[in-house]
PDB file of N, CA and C in Angstrom:
ATOM      1  N   MET A   1       0.545  -1.552   0.051  1.00  0.00           N
ATOM      2  CA  MET A   1      -0.061   0.157  -0.090  1.00  0.00           C
ATOM      3  C   MET A   1       0.722   0.891   0.008  1.00  0.00           C
ATOM      4  N   GLU A   2       0.811   1.797  -0.734  1.00  0.00           N
ATOM      5  CA  GLU A   2       1.575   3.329  -0.774  1.00  0.00           C
ATOM      6  C   GLU A   2       0.324   4.558  -0.117  1.00  0.00           C
ATOM      7  N   MET A   3       1.069   5.346   0.602  1.00  0.00           N
ATOM      8  CA  MET A   3       0.299   6.698   1.792  1.00  0.00           C
ATOM      9  C   MET A   3       1.494   7.859   1.495  1.00  0.00           C
ATOM     10  N   PRO A   4       1.025   8.785   1.123  1.00  0.00           N
ATOM     11  CA  PRO A   4       1.548  10.222   1.632  1.00  0.00           C
ATOM     12  C   PRO A   4       2.510   9.995   2.964  1.00  0.00           C
ATOM     13  N   ILE A   5       3.203  10.304   3.087  1.00  0.00           N
ATOM     14  CA  ILE A   5       3.914  10.815   4.706  1.00  0.00           C
ATOM     15  C   ILE A   5       4.121  12.108   4.644  1.00  0.00           C
ATOM     16  N   PHE A   6       3.916  12.513   6.115  1.00  0.00           N
ATOM     17  CA  PHE A   6       3.782  14.065   6.900  1.00  0.00           C
ATOM     18  C   PHE A   6       5.060  13.718   8.066  1.00  0.00           C
ATOM     19  N   PRO A   7       6.049  13.700   7.928  1.00  0.00           N
ATOM     20  CA  PRO A   7       7.279  13.991   8.823  1.00  0.00           C
ATOM     21  C   PRO A   7       7.332  15.093   9.722  1.00  0.00           C
ATOM     22  N   LEU A   8       7.212  15.011  11.257  1.00  0.00           N
ATOM     23  CA  LEU A   8       7.012  15.925  11.764  1.00  0.00           C
ATOM     24  C   LEU A   8       7.924  15.557  13.306  1.00  0.00           C
ATOM     25  N   LYS A   9       8.394  17.003  13.614  1.00  0.00           N
ATOM     26  CA  LYS A   9       9.062  17.035  14.381  1.00  0.00           C
ATOM     27  C   LYS A   9       8.390  17.375  16.208  1.00  0.00           C
ATOM     28  N   ASN A  10       8.948  15.827  17.073  1.00  0.00           N
ATOM     29  CA  ASN A  10       8.651  16.021  18.371  1.00  0.00           C
ATOM     30  C   ASN A  10       7.266  15.805  18.407  1.00  0.00           C
ATOM     31  N   VAL A  11       6.500  15.648  17.145  1.00  0.00           N
ATOM     32  CA  VAL A  11       5.268  15.188  17.695  1.00  0.00           C
ATOM     33  C   VAL A  11       4.778  13.568  17.505  1.00  0.00           C
ATOM     34  N   VAL A  12       4.101  13.213  18.118  1.00  0.00           N
ATOM     35  CA  VAL A  12       3.801  11.536  17.958  1.00  0.00           C
ATOM     36  C   VAL A  12       2.647  11.215  17.290  1.00  0.00           C
ATOM     37  N   LEU A  13       2.198  10.284  17.198  1.00  0.00           N
ATOM     38  CA  LEU A  13       0.518   9.935  16.952  1.00  0.00           C
ATOM     39  C   LEU A  13       0.425   8.992  16.926  1.00  0.00           C
ATOM     40  N   PHE A  14      -0.953   8.418  17.556  1.00  0.00           N
ATOM     41  CA  PHE A  14      -0.763   7.045  17.713  1.00  0.00           C
ATOM     42  C   PHE A  14      -2.429   6.661  17.512  1.00  0.00           C
ATOM     43  N   PRO A  15      -2.566   5.470  17.386  1.00  0.00           N
ATOM     44  CA  PRO A  15      -4.445   5.063  17.672  1.00  0.00           C
ATOM     45  C   PRO A  15      -5.408   5.784  18.070  1.00  0.00           C
ATOM     46  N   GLY A  16      -6.198   6.230  17.566  1.00  0.00           N
ATOM     47  CA  GLY A  16      -7.167   6.807  18.451  1.00  0.00           C
ATOM     48  C   GLY A  16      -7.253   8.257  18.678  1.00  0.00           C
ATOM     49  N   MET A  17      -5.839   9.030  18.864  1.00  0.00           N
ATOM     50  CA  MET A  17      -5.208  10.162  18.993  1.00  0.00           C
ATOM     51  C   MET A  17      -5.895  11.494  18.480  1.00  0.00           C
ATOM     52  N   VAL A  18      -6.307  12.495  18.550  1.00  0.00           N
ATOM     53  CA  VAL A  18      -6.440  13.399  17.713  1.00  0.00           C
ATOM     54  C   VAL A  18      -5.881  14.579  17.474  1.00  0.00           C
ATOM     55  N   LEU A  19      -5.386  14.823  16.415  1.00  0.00           N
ATOM     56  CA  LEU A  19      -3.981  15.537  15.873  1.00  0.00           C
ATOM     57  C   LEU A  19      -4.584  16.607  15.244  1.00  0.00           C
ATOM     58  N   PRO A  20      -4.549  18.137  15.634  1.00  0.00           N
ATOM     59  CA  PRO A  20      -5.049  19.165  14.742  1.00  0.00           C
ATOM     60  C   PRO A  20      -3.448  19.879  14.232  1.00  0.00           C
ATOM     61  N   LEU A  21      -3.071  20.339  12.745  1.00  0.00           N
ATOM     62  CA  LEU A  21      -2.424  20.447  12.156  1.00  0.00           C
ATOM     63  C   LEU A  21      -2.994  22.081  11.267  1.00  0.00           C
ATOM     64  N   HIS A  22      -2.200  22.698  11.086  1.00  0.00           N
ATOM     65  CA  HIS A  22      -1.755  24.024  10.471  1.00  0.00           C
ATOM     66  C   HIS A  22      -1.158  23.426   9.156  1.00  0.00           C
ATOM     67  N   ILE A  23      -1.321  23.685   8.121  1.00  0.00           N
ATOM     68  CA  ILE A  23      -0.955  23.433   6.699  1.00  0.00           C
ATOM     69  C   ILE A  23      -0.414  24.628   5.859  1.00  0.00           C
ATOM     70  N   PHE A  24       0.766  24.887   5.941  1.00  0.00           N
ATOM     71  CA  PHE A  24       1.220  26.480   5.286  1.00  0.00           C
ATOM     72  C   PHE A  24       1.964  26.119   4.106  1.00  0.00           C
ATOM     73  N   GLU A  25       2.619  24.928   3.864  1.00  0.00           N
ATOM     74  CA  GLU A  25       4.034  24.563   3.159  1.00  0.00           C
ATOM     75  C   GLU A  25       3.253  24.008   1.726  1.00  0.00           C
ATOM     76  N   MET A  26       3.220  24.681   0.546  1.00  0.00           N
ATOM     77  CA  MET A  26       2.799  24.784  -0.475  1.00  0.00           C
ATOM     78  C   MET A  26       3.127  22.890  -0.780  1.00  0.00           C
ATOM     79  N   ARG A  27       4.116  21.894  -0.535  1.00  0.00           N
ATOM     80  CA  ARG A  27       3.689  20.363  -0.477  1.00  0.00           C
ATOM     81  C   ARG A  27       2.834  19.648   0.044  1.00  0.00           C
ATOM     82  N   TYR A  28       2.448  20.446   1.149  1.00  0.00           N
ATOM     83  CA  TYR A  28       2.003  19.674   2.130  1.00  0.00           C
ATOM     84  C   TYR A  28       0.359  20.239   1.941  1.00  0.00           C
ATOM     85  N   ARG A  29       0.278  21.337   1.393  1.00  0.00           N
ATOM     86  CA  ARG A  29      -1.170  22.167   1.231  1.00  0.00           C
ATOM     87  C   ARG A  29      -1.760  20.458  -0.002  1.00  0.00           C
ATOM     88  N   GLU A  30      -0.238  20.636  -1.130  1.00  0.00           N
ATOM     89  CA  GLU A  30      -0.520  19.644  -2.000  1.00  0.00           C
ATOM     90  C   GLU A  30      -1.514  18.007  -1.790  1.00  0.00           C
ATOM     91  N   MET A  31      -0.015  17.836  -0.537  1.00  0.00           N
ATOM     92  CA  MET A  31      -0.751  16.707   0.076  1.00  0.00           C
ATOM     93  C   MET A  31      -1.913  16.131  -0.110  1.00  0.00           C
ATOM     94  N   ILE A  32      -2.092  17.224   1.354  1.00  0.00           N
ATOM     95  CA  ILE A  32      -3.656  17.557   2.220  1.00  0.00           C
ATOM     96  C   ILE A  32      -4.807  17.106   0.882  1.00  0.00           C
ATOM     97  N   GLY A  33      -4.605  18.368  -0.344  1.00  0.00           N
ATOM     98  CA  GLY A  33      -5.655  18.023  -0.904  1.00  0.00           C
ATOM     99  C   GLY A  33      -6.046  17.174  -1.791  1.00  0.00           C
ATOM    100  N   ARG A  34      -4.612  16.056  -2.134  1.00  0.00           N
ATOM    101  CA  ARG A  34      -5.098  15.017  -2.577  1.00  0.00           C
ATOM    102  C   ARG A  34      -5.673  14.116  -1.640  1.00  0.00           C
ATOM    103  N   CYS A  35      -5.401  14.031  -0.586  1.00  0.00           N
ATOM    104  CA  CYS A  35      -5.567  13.143   0.702  1.00  0.00           C
ATOM    105  C   CYS A  35      -7.293  13.642   0.935  1.00  0.00           C
ATOM    106  N   LEU A  36      -7.827  14.672   0.637  1.00  0.00           N
ATOM    107  CA  LEU A  36      -9.130  15.048   0.807  1.00  0.00           C
ATOM    108  C   LEU A  36      -9.775  15.173  -0.291  1.00  0.00           C
ATOM    109  N   GLU A  37      -9.386  14.751  -1.965  1.00  0.00           N
ATOM    110  CA  GLU A  37     -10.514  14.688  -2.578  1.00  0.00           C
ATOM    111  C   GLU A  37     -10.268  13.507  -3.077  1.00  0.00           C
ATOM    112  N   ASP A  38      -9.554  12.506  -2.438  1.00  0.00           N
ATOM    113  CA  ASP A  38      -9.399  10.799  -2.976  1.00  0.00           C
ATOM    114  C   ASP A  38      -9.796  10.169  -1.496  1.00  0.00           C
ATOM    115  N   LYS A  39     -10.198  11.138  -0.441  1.00  0.00           N
ATOM    116  CA  LYS A  39     -10.717  10.498   0.878  1.00  0.00           C
ATOM    117  C   LYS A  39      -9.554   9.171   1.053  1.00  0.00           C
ATOM    118  N   ILE A  40      -8.604   9.890   1.259  1.00  0.00           N
ATOM    119  CA  ILE A  40      -7.432   8.635   1.636  1.00  0.00           C
ATOM    120  C   ILE A  40      -6.682   9.243   3.049  1.00  0.00           C
ATOM    121  N   PRO A  41      -6.370   8.227   3.572  1.00  0.00           N
ATOM    122  CA  PRO A  41      -5.192   8.891   4.749  1.00  0.00           C
ATOM    123  C   PRO A  41      -3.688   9.236   4.692  1.00  0.00           C
ATOM    124  N   PHE A  42      -3.305   9.734   5.442  1.00  0.00           N
ATOM    125  CA  PHE A  42      -1.604   9.991   5.155  1.00  0.00           C
ATOM    126  C   PHE A  42      -0.940   9.423   5.920  1.00  0.00           C
ATOM    127  N   GLY A  43       0.355   9.386   6.223  1.00  0.00           N
ATOM    128  CA  GLY A  43       0.911   9.117   7.691  1.00  0.00           C
ATOM    129  C   GLY A  43       1.990  10.148   8.030  1.00  0.00           C
ATOM    130  N   VAL A  44       1.804  10.001   9.552  1.00  0.00           N
ATOM    131  CA  VAL A  44       2.635  10.941  10.418  1.00  0.00           C
ATOM    132  C   VAL A  44       3.561   9.973  11.069  1.00  0.00           C
ATOM    133  N   THR A  45       4.274  10.519  10.794  1.00  0.00           N
ATOM    134  CA  THR A  45       5.927  10.066  11.047  1.00  0.00           C
ATOM    135  C   THR A  45       6.905  10.943  12.418  1.00  0.00           C
ATOM    136  N   LEU A  46       7.762  10.532  12.713  1.00  0.00           N
ATOM    137  CA  LEU A  46       9.014  11.433  13.740  1.00  0.00           C
ATOM    138  C   LEU A  46       9.833  11.496  12.682  1.00  0.00           C
ATOM    139  N   ILE A  47      10.250  12.711  12.838  1.00  0.00           N
ATOM    140  CA  ILE A  47      11.662  13.026  11.957  1.00  0.00           C
ATOM    141  C   ILE A  47      12.595  12.509  12.990  1.00  0.00           C
ATOM    142  N   ASP A  48      13.455  11.668  11.852  1.00  0.00           N
ATOM    143  CA  ASP A  48      14.671  10.883  12.524  1.00  0.00           C
ATOM    144  C   ASP A  48      15.617  11.798  12.099  1.00  0.00           C
ATOM    145  N   GLU A  49      15.528  12.333  11.219  1.00  0.00           N
ATOM    146  CA  GLU A  49      16.966  13.578  10.499  1.00  0.00           C
ATOM    147  C   GLU A  49      16.772  14.476   9.405  1.00  0.00           C
ATOM    148  N   GLY A  50      16.752  15.719  10.243  1.00  0.00           N
ATOM    149  CA  GLY A  50      16.016  17.164   9.363  1.00  0.00           C
ATOM    150  C   GLY A  50      15.237  17.974   9.839  1.00  0.00           C
ATOM    151  N   GLN A  51      14.659  18.659   9.338  1.00  0.00           N
ATOM    152  CA  GLN A  51      14.002  19.680   9.445  1.00  0.00           C
ATOM    153  C   GLN A  51      12.268  19.576   8.903  1.00  0.00           C
ATOM    154  N   GLU A  52      11.236  19.930   9.591  1.00  0.00           N
ATOM    155  CA  GLU A  52       9.729  19.571   8.935  1.00  0.00           C
ATOM    156  C   GLU A  52      10.068  20.723   8.137  1.00  0.00           C
ATOM    157  N   VAL A  53      10.363  21.945   7.586  1.00  0.00           N
ATOM    158  CA  VAL A  53      10.379  23.121   6.854  1.00  0.00           C
ATOM    159  C   VAL A  53      11.645  22.827   6.096  1.00  0.00           C
ATOM    160  N   GLY A  54      10.910  22.908   4.695  1.00  0.00           N
ATOM    161  CA  GLY A  54      12.271  22.911   3.963  1.00  0.00           C
ATOM    162  C   GLY A  54      13.044  21.774   3.103  1.00  0.00           C
ATOM    163  N   ALA A  55      13.658  21.251   2.902  1.00  0.00           N
ATOM    164  CA  ALA A  55      13.859  19.955   2.330  1.00  0.00           C
ATOM    165  C   ALA A  55      13.652  19.131   2.895  1.00  0.00           C
ATOM    166  N   SER A  56      12.750  17.909   2.293  1.00  0.00           N
ATOM    167  CA  SER A  56      12.716  16.761   3.123  1.00  0.00           C
ATOM    168  C   SER A  56      13.458  15.881   4.344  1.00  0.00           C
ATOM    169  N   ALA A  57      12.561  15.714   5.209  1.00  0.00           N
ATOM    170  CA  ALA A  57      13.415  15.449   6.044  1.00  0.00           C
ATOM    171  C   ALA A  57      13.525  13.375   5.882  1.00  0.00           C
ATOM    172  N   ARG A  58      14.176  12.850   6.401  1.00  0.00           N
ATOM    173  CA  ARG A  58      14.455  11.592   7.068  1.00  0.00           C
ATOM    174  C   ARG A  58      12.978  11.137   7.955  1.00  0.00           C
ATOM    175  N   PRO A  59      12.200  10.297   7.936  1.00  0.00           N
ATOM    176  CA  PRO A  59      11.168  10.047   8.763  1.00  0.00           C
ATOM    177  C   PRO A  59      11.833   8.498   9.480  1.00  0.00           C
ATOM    178  N   PHE A  60      11.147   8.546  10.939  1.00  0.00           N
ATOM    179  CA  PHE A  60      11.252   7.001  11.280  1.00  0.00           C
ATOM    180  C   PHE A  60      10.572   6.229  10.491  1.00  0.00           C
ATOM    181  N   LEU A  61      11.261   4.665  10.333  1.00  0.00           N
ATOM    182  CA  LEU A  61      10.225   3.900   9.670  1.00  0.00           C
ATOM    183  C   LEU A  61       8.828   3.522  10.167  1.00  0.00           C
ATOM    184  N   VAL A  62       8.364   3.763  11.261  1.00  0.00           N
ATOM    185  CA  VAL A  62       7.181   3.514  11.878  1.00  0.00           C
ATOM    186  C   VAL A  62       6.605   4.424  11.961  1.00  0.00           C
ATOM    187  N   GLY A  63       4.997   4.562  11.634  1.00  0.00           N
ATOM    188  CA  GLY A  63       4.015   5.612  11.843  1.00  0.00           C
ATOM    189  C   GLY A  63       2.730   5.449  12.187  1.00  0.00           C
ATOM    190  N   THR A  64       1.622   6.211  12.428  1.00  0.00           N
ATOM    191  CA  THR A  64       0.611   5.835  12.351  1.00  0.00           C
ATOM    192  C   THR A  64      -0.357   6.789  11.239  1.00  0.00           C
ATOM    193  N   ALA A  65      -1.201   6.310  10.570  1.00  0.00           N
ATOM    194  CA  ALA A  65      -2.118   6.511   9.371  1.00  0.00           C
ATOM    195  C   ALA A  65      -3.036   7.577  10.208  1.00  0.00           C
ATOM    196  N   ALA A  66      -3.451   8.751   9.512  1.00  0.00           N
ATOM    197  CA  ALA A  66      -3.961   9.883  10.669  1.00  0.00           C
ATOM    198  C   ALA A  66      -5.284   9.968   9.176  1.00  0.00           C
ATOM    199  N   ARG A  67      -6.490   9.555   9.627  1.00  0.00           N
ATOM    200  CA  ARG A  67      -7.395  10.063   8.991  1.00  0.00           C
ATOM    201  C   ARG A  67      -8.451  11.616   9.312  1.00  0.00           C
ATOM    202  N   ILE A  68      -8.664  12.430   7.691  1.00  0.00           N
ATOM    203  CA  ILE A  68      -8.842  13.704   8.229  1.00  0.00           C
ATOM    204  C   ILE A  68     -10.601  14.043   8.431  1.00  0.00           C
ATOM    205  N   VAL A  69     -10.676  14.630   9.578  1.00  0.00           N
ATOM    206  CA  VAL A  69     -12.256  14.028  10.030  1.00  0.00           C
ATOM    207  C   VAL A  69     -13.010  15.756  10.078  1.00  0.00           C
ATOM    208  N   ARG A  70     -11.872  16.861   9.873  1.00  0.00           N
ATOM    209  CA  ARG A  70     -12.509  18.270   9.842  1.00  0.00           C
ATOM    210  C   ARG A  70     -11.733  19.320   9.280  1.00  0.00           C
ATOM    211  N   SER A  71     -11.551  19.832   8.277  1.00  0.00           N
ATOM    212  CA  SER A  71     -10.739  21.216   7.148  1.00  0.00           C
ATOM    213  C   SER A  71     -11.322  21.966   7.364  1.00  0.00           C
ATOM    214  N   GLU A  72     -10.544  22.785   7.088  1.00  0.00           N
ATOM    215  CA  GLU A  72     -10.818  24.255   6.539  1.00  0.00           C
ATOM    216  C   GLU A  72      -9.546  25.035   5.785  1.00  0.00           C
ATOM    217  N   ARG A  73     -10.407  25.619   4.827  1.00  0.00           N
ATOM    218  CA  ARG A  73      -9.210  26.159   3.849  1.00  0.00           C
ATOM    219  C   ARG A  73      -9.734  27.499   4.087  1.00  0.00           C
ATOM    220  N   MET A  74      -8.242  27.937   3.849  1.00  0.00           N
ATOM    221  CA  MET A  74      -8.085  29.754   4.341  1.00  0.00           C
ATOM    222  C   MET A  74      -8.087  30.801   3.041  1.00  0.00           C
ATOM    223  N   GLU A  75      -8.236  31.833   3.095  1.00  0.00           N
ATOM    224  CA  GLU A  75      -8.229  32.226   1.133  1.00  0.00           C
ATOM    225  C   GLU A  75      -6.437  32.100   0.796  1.00  0.00           C
ATOM    226  N   ASP A  76      -5.916  32.094   1.424  1.00  0.00           N
ATOM    227  CA  ASP A  76      -4.887  32.216   1.090  1.00  0.00           C
ATOM    228  C   ASP A  76      -4.055  31.015   0.711  1.00  0.00           C
ATOM    229  N   GLY A  77      -5.228  29.906   0.699  1.00  0.00           N
ATOM    230  CA  GLY A  77      -4.427  28.315   0.599  1.00  0.00           C
ATOM    231  C   GLY A  77      -3.829  27.756   1.984  1.00  0.00           C
ATOM    232  N   ARG A  78      -3.935  28.256   2.722  1.00  0.00           N
ATOM    233  CA  ARG A  78      -3.373  27.130   3.788  1.00  0.00           C
ATOM    234  C   ARG A  78      -4.569  26.297   4.263  1.00  0.00           C
ATOM    235  N   MET A  79      -4.593  25.876   5.373  1.00  0.00           N
ATOM    236  CA  MET A  79      -5.194  25.089   6.140  1.00  0.00           C
ATOM    237  C   MET A  79      -5.423  24.535   7.114  1.00  0.00           C
ATOM    238  N   ASN A  80      -6.150  24.533   7.904  1.00  0.00           N
ATOM    239  CA  ASN A  80      -6.413  23.967   9.280  1.00  0.00           C
ATOM    240  C   ASN A  80      -7.321  22.809   8.990  1.00  0.00           C
ATOM    241  N   ILE A  81      -6.822  21.522   9.752  1.00  0.00           N
ATOM    242  CA  ILE A  81      -7.052  20.305   9.892  1.00  0.00           C
ATOM    243  C   ILE A  81      -7.131  19.597  11.294  1.00  0.00           C
ATOM    244  N   THR A  82      -8.204  18.176  11.137  1.00  0.00           N
ATOM    245  CA  THR A  82      -7.822  17.863  12.242  1.00  0.00           C
ATOM    246  C   THR A  82      -8.200  16.136  12.239  1.00  0.00           C
ATOM    247  N   THR A  83      -7.092  15.608  12.464  1.00  0.00           N
ATOM    248  CA  THR A  83      -7.018  14.480  11.854  1.00  0.00           C
ATOM    249  C   THR A  83      -7.492  13.705  13.636  1.00  0.00           C
ATOM    250  N   VAL A  84      -7.705  11.695  13.161  1.00  0.00           N
ATOM    251  CA  VAL A  84      -7.488  10.813  13.991  1.00  0.00           C
ATOM    252  C   VAL A  84      -6.803  10.051  13.685  1.00  0.00           C
ATOM    253  N   GLY A  85      -5.702   9.441  14.691  1.00  0.00           N
ATOM    254  CA  GLY A  85      -4.750   8.026  14.334  1.00  0.00           C
ATOM    255  C   GLY A  85      -6.013   6.754  14.191  1.00  0.00           C
ATOM    256  N   THR A  86      -5.379   6.433  13.095  1.00  0.00           N
ATOM    257  CA  THR A  86      -6.267   4.979  13.075  1.00  0.00           C
ATOM    258  C   THR A  86      -5.223   3.728  12.989  1.00  0.00           C
ATOM    259  N   GLN A  87      -4.050   3.719  12.201  1.00  0.00           N
ATOM    260  CA  GLN A  87      -3.754   2.395  11.702  1.00  0.00           C
ATOM    261  C   GLN A  87      -1.940   2.292  11.952  1.00  0.00           C
ATOM    262  N   ARG A  88      -1.118   1.770  12.919  1.00  0.00           N
ATOM    263  CA  ARG A  88      -0.026   1.997  12.971  1.00  0.00           C
ATOM    264  C   ARG A  88       0.619   0.901  11.689  1.00  0.00           C
ATOM    265  N   PHE A  89       1.624   1.704  10.951  1.00  0.00           N
ATOM    266  CA  PHE A  89       2.651   1.205  10.452  1.00  0.00           C
ATOM    267  C   PHE A  89       3.707   1.503   9.773  1.00  0.00           C
ATOM    268  N   ARG A  90       4.831   0.454   9.320  1.00  0.00           N
ATOM    269  CA  ARG A  90       6.006   0.162   8.905  1.00  0.00           C
ATOM    270  C   ARG A  90       6.151   0.715   7.480  1.00  0.00           C
ATOM    271  N   ILE A  91       7.231   1.936   7.187  1.00  0.00           N
ATOM    272  CA  ILE A  91       7.403   2.277   5.846  1.00  0.00           C
ATOM    273  C   ILE A  91       8.752   1.062   5.503  1.00  0.00           C
ATOM    274  N   LEU A  92       8.149   0.567   3.898  1.00  0.00           N
ATOM    275  CA  LEU A  92       8.741  -0.653   3.486  1.00  0.00           C
ATOM    276  C   LEU A  92       9.927   0.129   2.641  1.00  0.00           C
ATOM    277  N   GLU A  93       9.099   0.689   1.753  1.00  0.00           N
ATOM    278  CA  GLU A  93      10.155   1.764   0.918  1.00  0.00           C
ATOM    279  C   GLU A  93       9.889   3.451   0.711  1.00  0.00           C
ATOM    280  N   LEU A  94      11.116   4.305   0.929  1.00  0.00           N
ATOM    281  CA  LEU A  94      10.387   5.562   0.604  1.00  0.00           C
ATOM    282  C   LEU A  94      10.393   6.254  -0.562  1.00  0.00           C
ATOM    283  N   HIS A  95       9.387   7.193  -1.506  1.00  0.00           N
ATOM    284  CA  HIS A  95       9.689   7.400  -2.794  1.00  0.00           C
ATOM    285  C   HIS A  95       9.506   9.203  -2.890  1.00  0.00           C
ATOM    286  N   HIS A  96      10.521   9.480  -3.768  1.00  0.00           N
ATOM    287  CA  HIS A  96      10.529  11.146  -3.534  1.00  0.00           C
ATOM    288  C   HIS A  96      10.290  11.486  -5.035  1.00  0.00           C
ATOM    289  N   ASP A  97       9.362  10.977  -5.927  1.00  0.00           N
ATOM    290  CA  ASP A  97       8.790  11.159  -6.770  1.00  0.00           C
ATOM    291  C   ASP A  97       7.610  12.479  -6.858  1.00  0.00           C
ATOM    292  N   ARG A  98       7.532  12.693  -5.526  1.00  0.00           N
ATOM    293  CA  ARG A  98       6.591  14.498  -5.437  1.00  0.00           C
ATOM    294  C   ARG A  98       6.892  15.155  -4.998  1.00  0.00           C
ATOM    295  N   SER A  99       5.990  16.238  -4.812  1.00  0.00           N
ATOM    296  CA  SER A  99       7.015  17.602  -3.610  1.00  0.00           C
ATOM    297  C   SER A  99       6.882  17.071  -2.415  1.00  0.00           C
ATOM    298  N   TYR A 100       6.017  15.799  -1.840  1.00  0.00           N
ATOM    299  CA  TYR A 100       6.148  15.456  -0.821  1.00  0.00           C
ATOM    300  C   TYR A 100       6.499  14.090  -0.810  1.00  0.00           C
ATOM    301  N   LEU A 101       6.817  13.422   0.494  1.00  0.00           N
ATOM    302  CA  LEU A 101       7.109  12.295   0.603  1.00  0.00           C
ATOM    303  C   LEU A 101       5.900  11.336   0.383  1.00  0.00           C
ATOM    304  N   THR A 102       6.082   9.831  -0.361  1.00  0.00           N
ATOM    305  CA  THR A 102       5.141   9.148  -0.300  1.00  0.00           C
ATOM    306  C   THR A 102       5.776   8.175   0.356  1.00  0.00           C
ATOM    307  N   ALA A 103       5.276   6.445   0.413  1.00  0.00           N
ATOM    308  CA  ALA A 103       6.372   5.247   1.083  1.00  0.00           C
ATOM    309  C   ALA A 103       5.050   4.589   0.392  1.00  0.00           C
ATOM    310  N   THR A 104       5.587   2.953   0.535  1.00  0.00           N
ATOM    311  CA  THR A 104       4.920   1.577   0.492  1.00  0.00           C
ATOM    312  C   THR A 104       5.341   1.095   1.993  1.00  0.00           C
ATOM    313  N   VAL A 105       4.019   0.903   2.325  1.00  0.00           N
ATOM    314  CA  VAL A 105       3.721   0.537   3.898  1.00  0.00           C
ATOM    315  C   VAL A 105       3.422  -0.745   4.237  1.00  0.00           C
ATOM    316  N   SER A 106       3.653  -1.167   5.208  1.00  0.00           N
ATOM    317  CA  SER A 106       2.539  -2.414   5.842  1.00  0.00           C
ATOM    318  C   SER A 106       2.244  -1.969   7.066  1.00  0.00           C
ATOM    319  N   GLN A 107       0.830  -2.312   7.286  1.00  0.00           N
ATOM    320  CA  GLN A 107       0.360  -2.471   8.450  1.00  0.00           C
ATOM    321  C   GLN A 107       0.740  -3.213   9.385  1.00  0.00           C
ATOM    322  N   PHE A 108       0.677  -3.047  10.522  1.00  0.00           N
ATOM    323  CA  PHE A 108       0.876  -3.711  12.281  1.00  0.00           C
ATOM    324  C   PHE A 108       0.012  -4.242  12.662  1.00  0.00           C
ATOM    325  N   PRO A 109      -0.476  -5.460  12.625  1.00  0.00           N
ATOM    326  CA  PRO A 109      -1.321  -6.077  13.332  1.00  0.00           C
ATOM    327  C   PRO A 109      -1.970  -5.142  14.213  1.00  0.00           C
ATOM    328  N   VAL A 110      -3.359  -5.214  14.701  1.00  0.00           N
ATOM    329  CA  VAL A 110      -3.981  -4.756  16.203  1.00  0.00           C
ATOM    330  C   VAL A 110      -3.865  -6.108  17.037  1.00  0.00           C
ATOM    331  N   PRO A 111      -3.575  -5.887  17.997  1.00  0.00           N
ATOM    332  CA  PRO A 111      -3.215  -6.573  18.891  1.00  0.00           C
ATOM    333  C   PRO A 111      -4.558  -7.411  19.761  1.00  0.00           C
ATOM    334  N   ASN A 112      -5.466  -6.343  20.113  1.00  0.00           N
ATOM    335  CA  ASN A 112      -6.624  -6.273  20.734  1.00  0.00           C
ATOM    336  C   ASN A 112      -7.638  -5.497  19.907  1.00  0.00           C
ATOM    337  N   GLY A 113      -8.902  -5.605  20.145  1.00  0.00           N
ATOM    338  CA  GLY A 113      -9.504  -4.637  19.879  1.00  0.00           C
ATOM    339  C   GLY A 113      -9.467  -3.646  20.098  1.00  0.00           C
ATOM    340  N   ALA A 114      -8.912  -2.657  21.640  1.00  0.00           N
ATOM    341  CA  ALA A 114      -9.051  -1.782  21.969  1.00  0.00           C
ATOM    342  C   ALA A 114      -8.755  -0.653  21.255  1.00  0.00           C
ATOM    343  N   THR A 115      -7.516  -1.312  20.305  1.00  0.00           N
ATOM    344  CA  THR A 115      -6.697   0.332  19.433  1.00  0.00           C
ATOM    345  C   THR A 115      -7.885   0.308  18.350  1.00  0.00           C
ATOM    346  N   ARG A 116      -8.200  -0.511  18.057  1.00  0.00           N
ATOM    347  CA  ARG A 116      -9.109  -0.695  16.654  1.00  0.00           C
ATOM    348  C   ARG A 116     -10.362   0.214  16.994  1.00  0.00           C
ATOM    349  N   ARG A 117     -11.180  -0.412  18.523  1.00  0.00           N
ATOM    350  CA  ARG A 117     -12.217   0.858  18.929  1.00  0.00           C
ATOM    351  C   ARG A 117     -12.114   1.727  18.687  1.00  0.00           C
ATOM    352  N   ALA A 118     -11.263   2.647  19.404  1.00  0.00           N
ATOM    353  CA  ALA A 118     -10.693   4.015  19.961  1.00  0.00           C
ATOM    354  C   ALA A 118     -10.398   4.644  18.706  1.00  0.00           C
ATOM    355  N   ALA A 119     -10.080   3.823  17.399  1.00  0.00           N
ATOM    356  CA  ALA A 119      -9.820   4.796  16.250  1.00  0.00           C
ATOM    357  C   ALA A 119     -11.026   4.860  15.321  1.00  0.00           C
ATOM    358  N   GLU A 120     -11.963   4.081  15.559  1.00  0.00           N
ATOM    359  CA  GLU A 120     -13.376   4.374  14.704  1.00  0.00           C
ATOM    360  C   GLU A 120     -14.314   5.345  15.523  1.00  0.00           C
TER     361      GLU A 120
END
């Protein structure tokens, strides 16, 4: 499964957790626009090396899929979104063919039903 990746510094998303984000960089506006249009999640990972703004950061290989539950687009194109963590994943391969990172990922199995219920 291929997924857009949003590496963040000092932010970890867990299944069932709510994460509000302010989207201002053009590449992430494009990514979130695609996620909204195609109704797909994106992956949130902690940054292993690099920064949030500027050149692509290298993410850690484990993250959580984020489902967008609310979005607000401002006149200048920036967005405020609210997401909920759904499923943990492991990055198998990173792709650098877009303005934002994408990755081939595999989902971690849910060890019990509590995580699944929290994410729904």
